[in-house]
């Protein structure tokens, strides 16, 4: 019985020695001999982005950027404010232009013009992905003057300047008021829709569109940068 116990002790000692040698060898190799390495197919690019190298999933940036096209998306890139004035003249005798025979009145309109870019016109063809250089190029249309908004609180109708023989108010019909408003709107549009204002809006538009879409692209893959240019 004692010989059997002695034999078991010897065997246990040998196994312990072998295990100790394996552990020491593993430490010498810089690895945990009991650790099993597994590849789950996920590559960490940075803290916010992962790449599934064997998943077969590939993100198409155009699908994300042009989604929701049923919605109208007009980006206001620049606003311009201006003021125009027209002078109404009422002559006592139409063919005689003397100050004492006429009365005048100034009407001023102040309005705001909006330059916009149509983002709802973007299509997949307008989004070019360069996988080698890691860029996404978005091609947009040029900004244009879309609307002029008249501020009713800034419509100024001055007092009538009367002549010596031309007294009283200047009587205007509804048709007269409509004609005046149409004329002033047209003059505001001419004031806003200039080459200088258009160039300013074009420069701002490139920056604003990039600021909109770059966070979306980088949320998908931070290695990509966004370039915005005109069609």
Protein backbone atom coordinates (compact mmCIF):
# COMPACT_ATOMS: atom_id res chain seq x y z
CA UNK A 1 0.00 0.00 0.00
CA UNK A 2 2.86 2.33 0.87
CA UNK A 3 4.59 1.48 -2.44
CA UNK A 4 1.41 2.38 -4.40
CA UNK A 5 1.07 5.72 -2.61
CA UNK A 6 4.73 6.40 -3.26
CA UNK A 7 4.19 5.60 -6.96
CA UNK A 8 1.22 8.00 -7.19
CA UNK A 9 3.26 10.76 -5.56
CA UNK A 10 6.03 10.25 -8.09
CA UNK A 11 3.56 10.42 -11.03
CA UNK A 12 1.92 13.58 -9.64
CA UNK A 13 5.35 15.15 -9.20
CA UNK A 14 6.27 14.38 -12.81
CA UNK A 15 2.98 15.83 -14.16
CA UNK A 16 3.46 18.96 -12.03
CA UNK A 17 6.98 19.37 -13.35
CA UNK A 18 5.77 19.00 -16.96
CA UNK A 19 3.02 21.59 -16.42
CA UNK A 20 5.53 23.97 -14.84
CA UNK A 21 7.84 23.58 -17.84
CA UNK A 22 4.96 24.33 -20.25
CA UNK A 23 3.97 27.45 -18.33
CA UNK A 24 7.56 28.72 -18.17
CA UNK A 25 7.99 28.06 -21.90
CA UNK A 26 4.79 29.97 -22.69
CA UNK A 27 5.90 32.94 -20.60
CA UNK A 28 9.23 32.93 -22.37
CA UNK A 29 7.37 33.19 -25.69
CA UNK A 30 5.38 36.19 -24.41
CA UNK A 31 2.00 34.47 -24.69
CA UNK A 32 -0.44 32.89 -22.31
CA UNK A 33 -0.20 29.14 -23.10
CA UNK A 34 -3.78 28.69 -21.98
CA UNK A 35 -5.14 31.56 -24.13
CA UNK A 36 -6.95 30.73 -27.38
CA UNK A 37 -6.79 33.43 -30.10
CA UNK A 38 -10.01 33.94 -32.03
CA UNK A 39 -10.71 36.17 -35.07
CA UNK A 40 -14.23 37.58 -35.10
CA UNK A 41 -13.65 39.44 -38.37
CA UNK A 42 -13.88 42.89 -36.76
CA UNK A 43 -11.12 45.42 -37.31
CA UNK A 44 -11.11 48.46 -35.01
CA UNK A 45 -10.16 51.53 -37.04
CA UNK A 46 -10.62 53.97 -34.18
CA UNK A 47 -12.92 54.42 -31.22
CA UNK A 48 -15.88 55.35 -33.41
CA UNK A 49 -15.45 53.16 -36.49
CA UNK A 50 -15.17 49.44 -37.10
CA UNK A 51 -14.66 47.56 -40.35
CA UNK A 52 -16.17 44.12 -40.86
CA UNK A 53 -13.53 42.67 -43.17
CA UNK A 54 -15.19 39.32 -43.86
CA UNK A 55 -18.84 40.25 -43.53
CA UNK A 56 -19.49 41.08 -47.18
CA UNK A 57 -21.23 44.28 -46.06
CA UNK A 58 -20.18 47.38 -48.01
CA UNK A 59 -21.56 50.83 -47.28
CA UNK A 60 -22.68 52.89 -50.26
CA UNK A 61 -22.36 56.53 -49.26
CA UNK A 62 -24.79 57.65 -51.97
CA UNK A 63 -27.57 55.59 -50.40
CA UNK A 64 -27.16 57.55 -47.17
CA UNK A 65 -26.67 61.00 -48.70
CA UNK A 66 -29.54 60.94 -51.21
CA UNK A 67 -32.06 59.16 -48.97
CA UNK A 68 -35.38 60.87 -48.24
CA UNK A 69 -35.64 62.53 -51.63
CA UNK A 70 -39.42 62.78 -51.31
CA UNK A 71 -38.77 65.61 -48.89
CA UNK A 72 -38.05 69.11 -50.13
CA UNK A 73 -34.65 70.17 -48.88
CA UNK A 74 -33.55 73.66 -49.85
CA UNK A 75 -30.48 74.95 -48.06
CA UNK A 76 -30.39 78.72 -47.51
CA UNK A 77 -26.74 79.64 -48.03
CA UNK A 78 -26.94 83.43 -48.13
CA UNK A 79 -29.36 86.26 -47.41
CA UNK A 80 -29.29 89.81 -48.71
CA UNK A 81 -31.23 92.77 -47.37
CA UNK A 82 -32.04 95.81 -49.44
CA UNK A 83 -34.26 98.83 -49.66
CA UNK A 84 -35.87 100.42 -52.72
CA UNK A 85 -37.92 103.58 -53.01
CA UNK A 86 -40.36 104.84 -55.62
CA UNK A 87 -41.72 108.35 -55.96
CA UNK A 88 -45.38 108.86 -56.81
CA UNK A 89 -46.25 112.05 -58.65
CA UNK A 90 -49.72 113.49 -59.09
CA UNK A 91 -49.85 116.48 -61.45
CA UNK A 92 -52.71 118.94 -61.46
CA UNK A 93 -52.20 119.29 -65.20
CA UNK A 94 -50.54 116.22 -66.70
CA UNK A 95 -48.52 117.98 -69.36
CA UNK A 96 -47.17 120.68 -67.03
CA UNK A 97 -44.28 119.62 -64.77
CA UNK A 98 -44.12 122.53 -62.35
CA UNK A 99 -43.58 121.99 -58.64
CA UNK A 100 -46.48 124.24 -57.66
CA UNK A 101 -48.79 122.13 -59.85
CA UNK A 102 -47.87 118.70 -58.46
CA UNK A 103 -47.67 116.69 -55.27
CA UNK A 104 -45.31 113.80 -54.56
CA UNK A 105 -45.04 110.92 -52.14
CA UNK A 106 -42.24 108.37 -51.51
CA UNK A 107 -42.94 104.69 -50.77
CA UNK A 108 -40.07 102.47 -49.58
CA UNK A 109 -39.91 98.68 -49.37
CA UNK A 110 -37.30 96.72 -47.40
CA UNK A 111 -36.89 93.08 -48.33
CA UNK A 112 -34.68 90.04 -47.85
CA UNK A 113 -33.50 87.84 -50.70
CA UNK A 114 -32.67 84.18 -50.10
CA UNK A 115 -30.05 82.30 -52.11
CA UNK A 116 -30.66 78.55 -51.86
CA UNK A 117 -29.20 75.23 -53.03
CA UNK A 118 -31.54 72.37 -53.95
CA UNK A 119 -30.30 69.35 -52.01
CA UNK A 120 -33.41 67.37 -52.93
CA UNK A 121 -32.08 67.21 -56.51
CA UNK A 122 -29.07 65.11 -55.46
CA UNK A 123 -28.90 61.69 -57.10
CA UNK A 124 -26.55 58.74 -56.77
CA UNK A 125 -24.70 60.02 -59.85
CA UNK A 126 -23.86 63.20 -57.90
CA UNK A 127 -22.03 61.24 -55.17
CA UNK A 128 -18.66 59.83 -56.22
CA UNK A 129 -16.79 57.54 -53.83
CA UNK A 130 -13.02 57.11 -54.24
CA UNK A 131 -12.02 54.04 -52.25
CA UNK A 132 -8.31 54.48 -52.96
CA UNK A 133 -7.99 58.11 -51.83
CA UNK A 134 -10.80 57.73 -49.27
CA UNK A 135 -12.88 60.66 -50.51
CA UNK A 136 -16.57 61.24 -51.18
CA UNK A 137 -17.23 63.95 -53.77
CA UNK A 138 -20.69 65.56 -53.78
CA UNK A 139 -21.67 67.59 -56.85
CA UNK A 140 -24.36 70.20 -56.30
CA UNK A 141 -26.20 72.76 -58.39
CA UNK A 142 -25.34 76.44 -58.16
CA UNK A 143 -27.24 78.54 -55.60
CA UNK A 144 -29.94 80.83 -56.95
CA UNK A 145 -32.18 83.62 -55.69
CA UNK A 146 -35.30 81.71 -54.72
CA UNK A 147 -37.46 84.17 -52.83
CA UNK A 148 -37.81 87.78 -51.81
CA UNK A 149 -39.58 88.44 -48.55
CA UNK A 150 -41.01 91.90 -47.97
CA UNK A 151 -41.06 92.98 -44.34
CA UNK A 152 -44.51 94.59 -43.82
CA UNK A 153 -43.19 96.39 -40.75
CA UNK A 154 -40.62 98.18 -42.89
CA UNK A 155 -42.91 99.49 -45.59
CA UNK A 156 -42.59 103.25 -45.32
CA UNK A 157 -45.16 105.59 -46.86
CA UNK A 158 -43.98 109.14 -46.44
CA UNK A 159 -46.19 112.19 -46.12
CA UNK A 160 -47.35 113.86 -49.29
CA UNK A 161 -45.33 116.86 -50.39
CA UNK A 162 -47.86 119.33 -51.68
CA UNK A 163 -47.39 122.00 -54.29
CA UNK A 164 -48.75 125.51 -54.00
CA UNK A 165 -51.82 124.63 -56.05
CA UNK A 166 -51.79 120.84 -55.61
CA UNK A 167 -53.23 120.03 -52.22
CA UNK A 168 -54.48 116.88 -50.45
CA UNK A 169 -53.59 113.19 -50.55
CA UNK A 170 -52.61 111.17 -53.58
CA UNK A 171 -55.52 108.88 -54.30
CA UNK A 172 -54.49 105.34 -55.25
CA UNK A 173 -56.61 102.47 -56.49
CA UNK A 174 -56.06 98.77 -55.73
CA UNK A 175 -54.57 98.44 -59.20
CA UNK A 176 -52.15 101.27 -58.39
CA UNK A 177 -50.98 99.54 -55.20
CA UNK A 178 -50.50 96.23 -57.04
CA UNK A 179 -48.46 97.96 -59.74
CA UNK A 180 -46.31 99.68 -57.12
CA UNK A 181 -45.62 96.42 -55.27
CA UNK A 182 -44.78 94.60 -58.50
CA UNK A 183 -42.35 97.34 -59.49
CA UNK A 184 -40.65 97.41 -56.10
CA UNK A 185 -40.29 93.61 -56.00
CA UNK A 186 -38.72 93.64 -59.45
CA UNK A 187 -36.27 96.33 -58.38
CA UNK A 188 -35.39 94.38 -55.22
CA UNK A 189 -34.69 91.30 -57.33
CA UNK A 190 -32.37 93.32 -59.56
CA UNK A 191 -30.67 94.65 -56.45
CA UNK A 192 -30.11 91.15 -54.99
CA UNK A 193 -29.47 89.06 -58.10
CA UNK A 194 -26.02 90.38 -58.97
CA UNK A 195 -22.80 88.62 -59.93
CA UNK A 196 -21.16 89.67 -56.66
CA UNK A 197 -23.99 88.29 -54.50
CA UNK A 198 -24.13 85.13 -56.57
CA UNK A 199 -20.39 84.54 -56.15
CA UNK A 200 -20.63 85.11 -52.41
CA UNK A 201 -23.47 82.59 -52.17
CA UNK A 202 -21.52 80.09 -54.29
CA UNK A 203 -18.48 80.28 -52.01
CA UNK A 204 -20.57 79.86 -48.88
CA UNK A 205 -22.60 76.98 -50.35
CA UNK A 206 -19.56 74.73 -50.84
CA UNK A 207 -18.58 75.12 -47.20
CA UNK A 208 -22.11 74.70 -45.80
CA UNK A 209 -22.91 71.55 -47.80
CA UNK A 210 -19.62 70.01 -46.68
CA UNK A 211 -20.43 70.81 -43.05
CA UNK A 212 -23.78 69.04 -43.45
CA UNK A 213 -22.58 65.80 -45.03
CA UNK A 214 -19.07 65.32 -43.63
CA UNK A 215 -20.30 64.23 -40.16
CA UNK A 216 -22.59 61.68 -41.87
CA UNK A 217 -19.74 60.25 -43.93
CA UNK A 218 -17.31 60.17 -41.02
CA UNK A 219 -19.89 58.43 -38.84
CA UNK A 220 -19.71 55.59 -41.35
CA UNK A 221 -15.95 55.65 -41.84
CA UNK A 222 -13.72 58.32 -40.34
CA UNK A 223 -11.00 57.69 -42.90
CA UNK A 224 -13.07 59.42 -45.59
CA UNK A 225 -13.12 63.15 -46.30
CA UNK A 226 -15.84 65.06 -48.16
CA UNK A 227 -15.28 67.22 -51.23
CA UNK A 228 -18.08 69.46 -52.53
CA UNK A 229 -18.00 70.88 -56.03
CA UNK A 230 -20.44 72.22 -58.62
CA UNK A 231 -21.88 70.11 -61.40
